[in-house]
Amino acid sequence: MKIEIMRAEMHREDEKSFVGSTVFKADGNKSVYEVTFMSKNGKDWDYSLHFTEQSGDEEELLKMDELLENDDDLYNQLLDAALDAYPA
């Protein structure tokens, strides 16, 4: 699946925790999504997917969430975009 990354960011919440996000649009989908990444150690990541601009098709959101769960390359591409935005 081809995606367009619109913006990404990452920052530290405290000495160890990270919070970041990537806003993206996927080919064939009407909605713009934001995936938020959270990690307490910078290695093990949790995420939350939601609509960015306005609510959209809930079924489309669930399919995108399932894709993120199963497609490591897509997940890593979105996470890497957020990590690359972290000020070194």
PDB file of N, CA and C in Angstrom:
ATOM      1  N   MET A   1       0.839  -1.171   0.000  1.00  0.00           N
ATOM      2  CA  MET A   1       0.000   0.000   0.000  1.00  0.00           C
ATOM      3  C   MET A   1       0.891   1.244   0.000  1.00  0.00           C
ATOM      4  N   LYS A   2       0.564   2.167  -0.859  1.00  0.00           N
ATOM      5  CA  LYS A   2       1.320   3.411  -0.937  1.00  0.00           C
ATOM      6  C   LYS A   2       0.693   4.440   0.010  1.00  0.00           C
ATOM      7  N   ILE A   3       1.548   5.091   0.781  1.00  0.00           N
ATOM      8  CA  ILE A   3       1.067   6.116   1.699  1.00  0.00           C
ATOM      9  C   ILE A   3       1.836   7.412   1.467  1.00  0.00           C
ATOM     10  N   GLU A   4       1.195   8.499   1.821  1.00  0.00           N
ATOM     11  CA  GLU A   4       1.819   9.819   1.785  1.00  0.00           C
ATOM     12  C   GLU A   4       1.921  10.322   3.218  1.00  0.00           C
ATOM     13  N   ILE A   5       3.145  10.522   3.677  1.00  0.00           N
ATOM     14  CA  ILE A   5       3.343  11.054   5.020  1.00  0.00           C
ATOM     15  C   ILE A   5       3.277  12.571   4.947  1.00  0.00           C
ATOM     16  N   MET A   6       2.373  13.137   5.705  1.00  0.00           N
ATOM     17  CA  MET A   6       2.140  14.576   5.651  1.00  0.00           C
ATOM     18  C   MET A   6       2.969  15.322   6.696  1.00  0.00           C
ATOM     19  N   ARG A   7       3.098  14.728   7.868  1.00  0.00           N
ATOM     20  CA  ARG A   7       3.967  15.307   8.900  1.00  0.00           C
ATOM     21  C   ARG A   7       4.212  14.257   9.982  1.00  0.00           C
ATOM     22  N   ALA A   8       5.301  14.475  10.712  1.00  0.00           N
ATOM     23  CA  ALA A   8       5.658  13.546  11.790  1.00  0.00           C
ATOM     24  C   ALA A   8       6.381  14.325  12.876  1.00  0.00           C
ATOM     25  N   GLU A   9       6.285  13.811  14.098  1.00  0.00           N
ATOM     26  CA  GLU A   9       6.965  14.437  15.222  1.00  0.00           C
ATOM     27  C   GLU A   9       7.243  13.396  16.298  1.00  0.00           C
ATOM     28  N   MET A  10       8.210  13.702  17.147  1.00  0.00           N
ATOM     29  CA  MET A  10       8.540  12.833  18.276  1.00  0.00           C
ATOM     30  C   MET A  10       9.165  13.708  19.349  1.00  0.00           C
ATOM     31  N   HIS A  11       8.790  13.454  20.598  1.00  0.00           N
ATOM     32  CA  HIS A  11       9.410  14.162  21.724  1.00  0.00           C
ATOM     33  C   HIS A  11       9.433  13.251  22.946  1.00  0.00           C
ATOM     34  N   ARG A  12      10.195  13.677  23.930  1.00  0.00           N
ATOM     35  CA  ARG A  12      10.284  12.930  25.188  1.00  0.00           C
ATOM     36  C   ARG A  12       9.327  13.535  26.196  1.00  0.00           C
ATOM     37  N   GLU A  13       8.657  12.660  26.914  1.00  0.00           N
ATOM     38  CA  GLU A  13       7.761  13.081  27.987  1.00  0.00           C
ATOM     39  C   GLU A  13       8.542  13.247  29.288  1.00  0.00           C
ATOM     40  N   ASP A  14       9.506  12.400  29.512  1.00  0.00           N
ATOM     41  CA  ASP A  14      10.383  12.479  30.681  1.00  0.00           C
ATOM     42  C   ASP A  14      11.712  11.852  30.272  1.00  0.00           C
ATOM     43  N   GLU A  15      12.508  11.422  31.185  1.00  0.00           N
ATOM     44  CA  GLU A  15      13.830  10.898  30.846  1.00  0.00           C
ATOM     45  C   GLU A  15      13.792   9.656  29.955  1.00  0.00           C
ATOM     46  N   LYS A  16      12.746   8.853  30.064  1.00  0.00           N
ATOM     47  CA  LYS A  16      12.707   7.600  29.307  1.00  0.00           C
ATOM     48  C   LYS A  16      11.552   7.502  28.315  1.00  0.00           C
ATOM     49  N   SER A  17      10.439   8.137  28.577  1.00  0.00           N
ATOM     50  CA  SER A  17       9.236   7.967  27.750  1.00  0.00           C
ATOM     51  C   SER A  17       9.280   8.832  26.486  1.00  0.00           C
ATOM     52  N   PHE A  18       8.778   8.260  25.398  1.00  0.00           N
ATOM     53  CA  PHE A  18       8.670   8.953  24.129  1.00  0.00           C
ATOM     54  C   PHE A  18       7.213   8.976  23.689  1.00  0.00           C
ATOM     55  N   VAL A  19       6.824  10.067  23.050  1.00  0.00           N
ATOM     56  CA  VAL A  19       5.508  10.195  22.428  1.00  0.00           C
ATOM     57  C   VAL A  19       5.714  10.864  21.083  1.00  0.00           C
ATOM     58  N   GLY A  20       5.128  10.283  20.048  1.00  0.00           N
ATOM     59  CA  GLY A  20       5.249  10.857  18.727  1.00  0.00           C
ATOM     60  C   GLY A  20       4.040  10.522  17.886  1.00  0.00           C
ATOM     61  N   SER A  21       3.986  11.113  16.707  1.00  0.00           N
ATOM     62  CA  SER A  21       2.869  10.834  15.818  1.00  0.00           C
ATOM     63  C   SER A  21       3.288  11.026  14.370  1.00  0.00           C
ATOM     64  N   THR A  22       2.552  10.361  13.501  1.00  0.00           N
ATOM     65  CA  THR A  22       2.720  10.501  12.060  1.00  0.00           C
ATOM     66  C   THR A  22       1.335  10.674  11.447  1.00  0.00           C
ATOM     67  N   VAL A  23       1.183  11.721  10.663  1.00  0.00           N
ATOM     68  CA  VAL A  23      -0.061  11.982   9.947  1.00  0.00           C
ATOM     69  C   VAL A  23       0.146  11.505   8.516  1.00  0.00           C
ATOM     70  N   PHE A  24      -0.804  10.722   8.003  1.00  0.00           N
ATOM     71  CA  PHE A  24      -0.628  10.138   6.673  1.00  0.00           C
ATOM     72  C   PHE A  24      -1.956   9.903   5.977  1.00  0.00           C
ATOM     73  N   LYS A  25      -1.858   9.747   4.677  1.00  0.00           N
ATOM     74  CA  LYS A  25      -3.001   9.394   3.837  1.00  0.00           C
ATOM     75  C   LYS A  25      -2.594   8.180   3.024  1.00  0.00           C
ATOM     76  N   ALA A  26      -3.482   7.223   2.915  1.00  0.00           N
ATOM     77  CA  ALA A  26      -3.218   6.003   2.153  1.00  0.00           C
ATOM     78  C   ALA A  26      -3.978   6.040   0.838  1.00  0.00           C
ATOM     79  N   ASP A  27      -3.333   5.565  -0.229  1.00  0.00           N
ATOM     80  CA  ASP A  27      -4.002   5.484  -1.527  1.00  0.00           C
ATOM     81  C   ASP A  27      -5.287   4.686  -1.406  1.00  0.00           C
ATOM     82  N   GLY A  28      -6.334   5.220  -1.997  1.00  0.00           N
ATOM     83  CA  GLY A  28      -7.618   4.532  -1.992  1.00  0.00           C
ATOM     84  C   GLY A  28      -8.483   4.839  -0.788  1.00  0.00           C
ATOM     85  N   ASN A  29      -7.956   5.542   0.201  1.00  0.00           N
ATOM     86  CA  ASN A  29      -8.733   5.906   1.384  1.00  0.00           C
ATOM     87  C   ASN A  29      -9.081   7.389   1.322  1.00  0.00           C
ATOM     88  N   LYS A  30     -10.253   7.731   1.775  1.00  0.00           N
ATOM     89  CA  LYS A  30     -10.696   9.118   1.762  1.00  0.00           C
ATOM     90  C   LYS A  30     -10.151   9.909   2.948  1.00  0.00           C
ATOM     91  N   SER A  31      -9.891   9.243   4.046  1.00  0.00           N
ATOM     92  CA  SER A  31      -9.542   9.910   5.299  1.00  0.00           C
ATOM     93  C   SER A  31      -8.046  10.145   5.437  1.00  0.00           C
ATOM     94  N   VAL A  32      -7.719  11.133   6.267  1.00  0.00           N
ATOM     95  CA  VAL A  32      -6.350  11.370   6.710  1.00  0.00           C
ATOM     96  C   VAL A  32      -6.269  10.827   8.128  1.00  0.00           C
ATOM     97  N   TYR A  33      -5.220  10.046   8.401  1.00  0.00           N
ATOM     98  CA  TYR A  33      -5.072   9.383   9.682  1.00  0.00           C
ATOM     99  C   TYR A  33      -3.900   9.950  10.463  1.00  0.00           C
ATOM    100  N   GLU A  34      -3.958   9.775  11.761  1.00  0.00           N
ATOM    101  CA  GLU A  34      -2.820  10.065  12.621  1.00  0.00           C
ATOM    102  C   GLU A  34      -2.597   8.850  13.496  1.00  0.00           C
ATOM    103  N   VAL A  35      -1.374   8.365  13.488  1.00  0.00           N
ATOM    104  CA  VAL A  35      -1.017   7.272  14.381  1.00  0.00           C
ATOM    105  C   VAL A  35      -0.099   7.875  15.439  1.00  0.00           C
ATOM    106  N   THR A  36      -0.456   7.655  16.702  1.00  0.00           N
ATOM    107  CA  THR A  36       0.329   8.147  17.824  1.00  0.00           C
ATOM    108  C   THR A  36       1.103   6.980  18.404  1.00  0.00           C
ATOM    109  N   PHE A  37       2.398   7.189  18.594  1.00  0.00           N
ATOM    110  CA  PHE A  37       3.279   6.151  19.140  1.00  0.00           C
ATOM    111  C   PHE A  37       3.697   6.535  20.554  1.00  0.00           C
ATOM    112  N   MET A  38       3.735   5.545  21.442  1.00  0.00           N
ATOM    113  CA  MET A  38       4.145   5.760  22.823  1.00  0.00           C
ATOM    114  C   MET A  38       5.098   4.647  23.237  1.00  0.00           C
ATOM    115  N   SER A  39       6.149   5.032  23.960  1.00  0.00           N
ATOM    116  CA  SER A  39       7.101   4.036  24.457  1.00  0.00           C
ATOM    117  C   SER A  39       7.683   4.519  25.773  1.00  0.00           C
ATOM    118  N   LYS A  40       7.778   3.619  26.724  1.00  0.00           N
ATOM    119  CA  LYS A  40       8.384   3.962  28.015  1.00  0.00           C
ATOM    120  C   LYS A  40       9.897   3.820  27.988  1.00  0.00           C
ATOM    121  N   ASN A  41      10.420   3.074  26.983  1.00  0.00           N
ATOM    122  CA  ASN A  41      11.860   2.829  26.962  1.00  0.00           C
ATOM    123  C   ASN A  41      12.517   3.123  25.610  1.00  0.00           C
ATOM    124  N   GLY A  42      11.743   3.567  24.635  1.00  0.00           N
ATOM    125  CA  GLY A  42      12.297   3.843  23.319  1.00  0.00           C
ATOM    126  C   GLY A  42      12.505   2.611  22.465  1.00  0.00           C
ATOM    127  N   LYS A  43      12.055   1.452  22.940  1.00  0.00           N
ATOM    128  CA  LYS A  43      12.227   0.197  22.194  1.00  0.00           C
ATOM    129  C   LYS A  43      10.896  -0.508  21.946  1.00  0.00           C
ATOM    130  N   ASP A  44      10.067  -0.601  22.963  1.00  0.00           N
ATOM    131  CA  ASP A  44       8.770  -1.276  22.858  1.00  0.00           C
ATOM    132  C   ASP A  44       7.701  -0.212  22.653  1.00  0.00           C
ATOM    133  N   TRP A  45       7.019  -0.293  21.512  1.00  0.00           N
ATOM    134  CA  TRP A  45       6.093   0.779  21.118  1.00  0.00           C
ATOM    135  C   TRP A  45       4.646   0.314  21.131  1.00  0.00           C
ATOM    136  N   ASP A  46       3.773   1.161  21.632  1.00  0.00           N
ATOM    137  CA  ASP A  46       2.323   1.017  21.502  1.00  0.00           C
ATOM    138  C   ASP A  46       1.870   2.097  20.533  1.00  0.00           C
ATOM    139  N   TYR A  47       0.704   1.901  19.961  1.00  0.00           N
ATOM    140  CA  TYR A  47       0.198   2.930  19.054  1.00  0.00           C
ATOM    141  C   TYR A  47      -1.308   3.068  19.186  1.00  0.00           C
ATOM    142  N   SER A  48      -1.790   4.205  18.693  1.00  0.00           N
ATOM    143  CA  SER A  48      -3.212   4.477  18.634  1.00  0.00           C
ATOM    144  C   SER A  48      -3.489   5.146  17.297  1.00  0.00           C
ATOM    145  N   LEU A  49      -4.462   4.649  16.561  1.00  0.00           N
ATOM    146  CA  LEU A  49      -4.808   5.194  15.259  1.00  0.00           C
ATOM    147  C   LEU A  49      -6.124   5.947  15.357  1.00  0.00           C
ATOM    148  N   HIS A  50      -6.175   7.135  14.760  1.00  0.00           N
ATOM    149  CA  HIS A  50      -7.412   7.907  14.754  1.00  0.00           C
ATOM    150  C   HIS A  50      -7.463   8.815  13.534  1.00  0.00           C
ATOM    151  N   PHE A  51      -8.642   9.365  13.275  1.00  0.00           N
ATOM    152  CA  PHE A  51      -8.800  10.328  12.188  1.00  0.00           C
ATOM    153  C   PHE A  51      -8.136  11.632  12.596  1.00  0.00           C
ATOM    154  N   THR A  52      -7.567  12.339  11.634  1.00  0.00           N
ATOM    155  CA  THR A  52      -6.866  13.579  11.929  1.00  0.00           C
ATOM    156  C   THR A  52      -7.784  14.785  11.823  1.00  0.00           C
ATOM    157  N   GLU A  53      -8.348  14.994  10.656  1.00  0.00           N
ATOM    158  CA  GLU A  53      -9.068  16.226  10.390  1.00  0.00           C
ATOM    159  C   GLU A  53     -10.523  16.170  10.837  1.00  0.00           C
ATOM    160  N   GLN A  54     -11.188  15.118  10.497  1.00  0.00           N
ATOM    161  CA  GLN A  54     -12.593  14.950  10.861  1.00  0.00           C
ATOM    162  C   GLN A  54     -12.915  13.470  10.839  1.00  0.00           C
ATOM    163  N   SER A  55     -14.010  13.124  11.467  1.00  0.00           N
ATOM    164  CA  SER A  55     -14.418  11.719  11.479  1.00  0.00           C
ATOM    165  C   SER A  55     -14.657  11.243  10.059  1.00  0.00           C
ATOM    166  N   GLY A  56     -14.388   9.976   9.871  1.00  0.00           N
ATOM    167  CA  GLY A  56     -14.566   9.380   8.551  1.00  0.00           C
ATOM    168  C   GLY A  56     -15.260   8.044   8.665  1.00  0.00           C
ATOM    169  N   ASP A  57     -15.026   7.216   7.690  1.00  0.00           N
ATOM    170  CA  ASP A  57     -15.633   5.897   7.607  1.00  0.00           C
ATOM    171  C   ASP A  57     -15.001   4.988   8.660  1.00  0.00           C
ATOM    172  N   GLU A  58     -15.792   4.580   9.627  1.00  0.00           N
ATOM    173  CA  GLU A  58     -15.293   3.755  10.731  1.00  0.00           C
ATOM    174  C   GLU A  58     -14.760   2.412  10.236  1.00  0.00           C
ATOM    175  N   GLU A  59     -15.411   1.848   9.235  1.00  0.00           N
ATOM    176  CA  GLU A  59     -14.959   0.568   8.682  1.00  0.00           C
ATOM    177  C   GLU A  59     -13.583   0.715   8.029  1.00  0.00           C
ATOM    178  N   GLU A  60     -13.370   1.844   7.346  1.00  0.00           N
ATOM    179  CA  GLU A  60     -12.074   2.123   6.730  1.00  0.00           C
ATOM    180  C   GLU A  60     -10.987   2.249   7.805  1.00  0.00           C
ATOM    181  N   LEU A  61     -11.322   2.895   8.916  1.00  0.00           N
ATOM    182  CA  LEU A  61     -10.377   3.045  10.031  1.00  0.00           C
ATOM    183  C   LEU A  61     -10.010   1.672  10.609  1.00  0.00           C
ATOM    184  N   LEU A  62     -10.990   0.820  10.781  1.00  0.00           N
ATOM    185  CA  LEU A  62     -10.731  -0.520  11.326  1.00  0.00           C
ATOM    186  C   LEU A  62      -9.858  -1.342  10.383  1.00  0.00           C
ATOM    187  N   LYS A  63     -10.061  -1.190   9.078  1.00  0.00           N
ATOM    188  CA  LYS A  63      -9.229  -1.903   8.105  1.00  0.00           C
ATOM    189  C   LYS A  63      -7.791  -1.383   8.157  1.00  0.00           C
ATOM    190  N   MET A  64      -7.633  -0.063   8.310  1.00  0.00           N
ATOM    191  CA  MET A  64      -6.288   0.505   8.400  1.00  0.00           C
ATOM    192  C   MET A  64      -5.604   0.029   9.677  1.00  0.00           C
ATOM    193  N   ASP A  65      -6.337  -0.043  10.768  1.00  0.00           N
ATOM    194  CA  ASP A  65      -5.775  -0.525  12.025  1.00  0.00           C
ATOM    195  C   ASP A  65      -5.329  -1.984  11.885  1.00  0.00           C
ATOM    196  N   GLU A  66      -6.139  -2.788  11.237  1.00  0.00           N
ATOM    197  CA  GLU A  66      -5.775  -4.193  11.010  1.00  0.00           C
ATOM    198  C   GLU A  66      -4.526  -4.288  10.130  1.00  0.00           C
ATOM    199  N   LEU A  67      -4.434  -3.418   9.131  1.00  0.00           N
ATOM    200  CA  LEU A  67      -3.259  -3.404   8.275  1.00  0.00           C
ATOM    201  C   LEU A  67      -2.004  -3.052   9.071  1.00  0.00           C
ATOM    202  N   LEU A  68      -2.106  -2.070   9.964  1.00  0.00           N
ATOM    203  CA  LEU A  68      -0.969  -1.706  10.811  1.00  0.00           C
ATOM    204  C   LEU A  68      -0.549  -2.860  11.718  1.00  0.00           C
ATOM    205  N   GLU A  69      -1.515  -3.616  12.197  1.00  0.00           N
ATOM    206  CA  GLU A  69      -1.220  -4.771  13.050  1.00  0.00           C
ATOM    207  C   GLU A  69      -0.470  -5.865  12.294  1.00  0.00           C
ATOM    208  N   ASN A  70      -0.774  -6.011  11.005  1.00  0.00           N
ATOM    209  CA  ASN A  70      -0.257  -7.146  10.241  1.00  0.00           C
ATOM    210  C   ASN A  70       0.869  -6.812   9.274  1.00  0.00           C
ATOM    211  N   ASP A  71       1.057  -5.557   8.934  1.00  0.00           N
ATOM    212  CA  ASP A  71       2.064  -5.171   7.951  1.00  0.00           C
ATOM    213  C   ASP A  71       3.212  -4.452   8.662  1.00  0.00           C
ATOM    214  N   ASP A  72       4.242  -5.215   9.008  1.00  0.00           N
ATOM    215  CA  ASP A  72       5.380  -4.644   9.738  1.00  0.00           C
ATOM    216  C   ASP A  72       6.071  -3.538   8.957  1.00  0.00           C
ATOM    217  N   ASP A  73       6.150  -3.676   7.636  1.00  0.00           N
ATOM    218  CA  ASP A  73       6.815  -2.649   6.832  1.00  0.00           C
ATOM    219  C   ASP A  73       6.077  -1.314   6.913  1.00  0.00           C
ATOM    220  N   LEU A  74       4.764  -1.353   6.813  1.00  0.00           N
ATOM    221  CA  LEU A  74       3.972  -0.129   6.916  1.00  0.00           C
ATOM    222  C   LEU A  74       4.104   0.473   8.310  1.00  0.00           C
ATOM    223  N   TYR A  75       3.960  -0.342   9.324  1.00  0.00           N
ATOM    224  CA  TYR A  75       4.079   0.121  10.709  1.00  0.00           C
ATOM    225  C   TYR A  75       5.447   0.768  10.937  1.00  0.00           C
ATOM    226  N   ASN A  76       6.502   0.087  10.495  1.00  0.00           N
ATOM    227  CA  ASN A  76       7.858   0.612  10.688  1.00  0.00           C
ATOM    228  C   ASN A  76       8.099   1.885   9.892  1.00  0.00           C
ATOM    229  N   GLN A  77       7.504   2.000   8.720  1.00  0.00           N
ATOM    230  CA  GLN A  77       7.644   3.221   7.921  1.00  0.00           C
ATOM    231  C   GLN A  77       7.046   4.414   8.671  1.00  0.00           C
ATOM    232  N   LEU A  78       5.900   4.225   9.282  1.00  0.00           N
ATOM    233  CA  LEU A  78       5.248   5.301  10.028  1.00  0.00           C
ATOM    234  C   LEU A  78       5.999   5.620  11.321  1.00  0.00           C
ATOM    235  N   LEU A  79       6.458   4.587  12.021  1.00  0.00           N
ATOM    236  CA  LEU A  79       7.238   4.793  13.237  1.00  0.00           C
ATOM    237  C   LEU A  79       8.577   5.465  12.913  1.00  0.00           C
ATOM    238  N   ASP A  80       9.232   5.021  11.855  1.00  0.00           N
ATOM    239  CA  ASP A  80      10.516   5.618  11.468  1.00  0.00           C
ATOM    240  C   ASP A  80      10.370   7.100  11.117  1.00  0.00           C
ATOM    241  N   ALA A  81       9.253   7.454  10.489  1.00  0.00           N
ATOM    242  CA  ALA A  81       9.033   8.870  10.173  1.00  0.00           C
ATOM    243  C   ALA A  81       8.979   9.699  11.448  1.00  0.00           C
ATOM    244  N   ALA A  82       8.291   9.190  12.464  1.00  0.00           N
ATOM    245  CA  ALA A  82       8.214   9.900  13.742  1.00  0.00           C
ATOM    246  C   ALA A  82       9.593   9.940  14.414  1.00  0.00           C
ATOM    247  N   LEU A  83      10.296   8.824  14.409  1.00  0.00           N
ATOM    248  CA  LEU A  83      11.625   8.785  15.019  1.00  0.00           C
ATOM    249  C   LEU A  83      12.609   9.715  14.308  1.00  0.00           C
ATOM    250  N   ASP A  84      12.516   9.797  12.993  1.00  0.00           N
ATOM    251  CA  ASP A  84      13.396  10.687  12.235  1.00  0.00           C
ATOM    252  C   ASP A  84      13.144  12.154  12.557  1.00  0.00           C
ATOM    253  N   ALA A  85      11.949  12.460  13.049  1.00  0.00           N
ATOM    254  CA  ALA A  85      11.610  13.840  13.394  1.00  0.00           C
ATOM    255  C   ALA A  85      12.098  14.224  14.798  1.00  0.00           C
ATOM    256  N   TYR A  86      12.614  13.236  15.553  1.00  0.00           N
ATOM    257  CA  TYR A  86      13.092  13.511  16.904  1.00  0.00           C
ATOM    258  C   TYR A  86      14.364  14.352  16.838  1.00  0.00           C
ATOM    259  N   PRO A  87      14.370  15.487  17.531  1.00  0.00           N
ATOM    260  CA  PRO A  87      15.576  16.333  17.498  1.00  0.00           C
ATOM    261  C   PRO A  87      16.719  15.652  18.241  1.00  0.00           C
ATOM    262  N   ALA A  88      17.784  15.415  17.544  1.00  0.00           N
ATOM    263  CA  ALA A  88      18.928  14.694  18.130  1.00  0.00           C
ATOM    264  C   ALA A  88      19.792  15.582  19.000  1.00  0.00           C
TER     265      ALA A  88
END
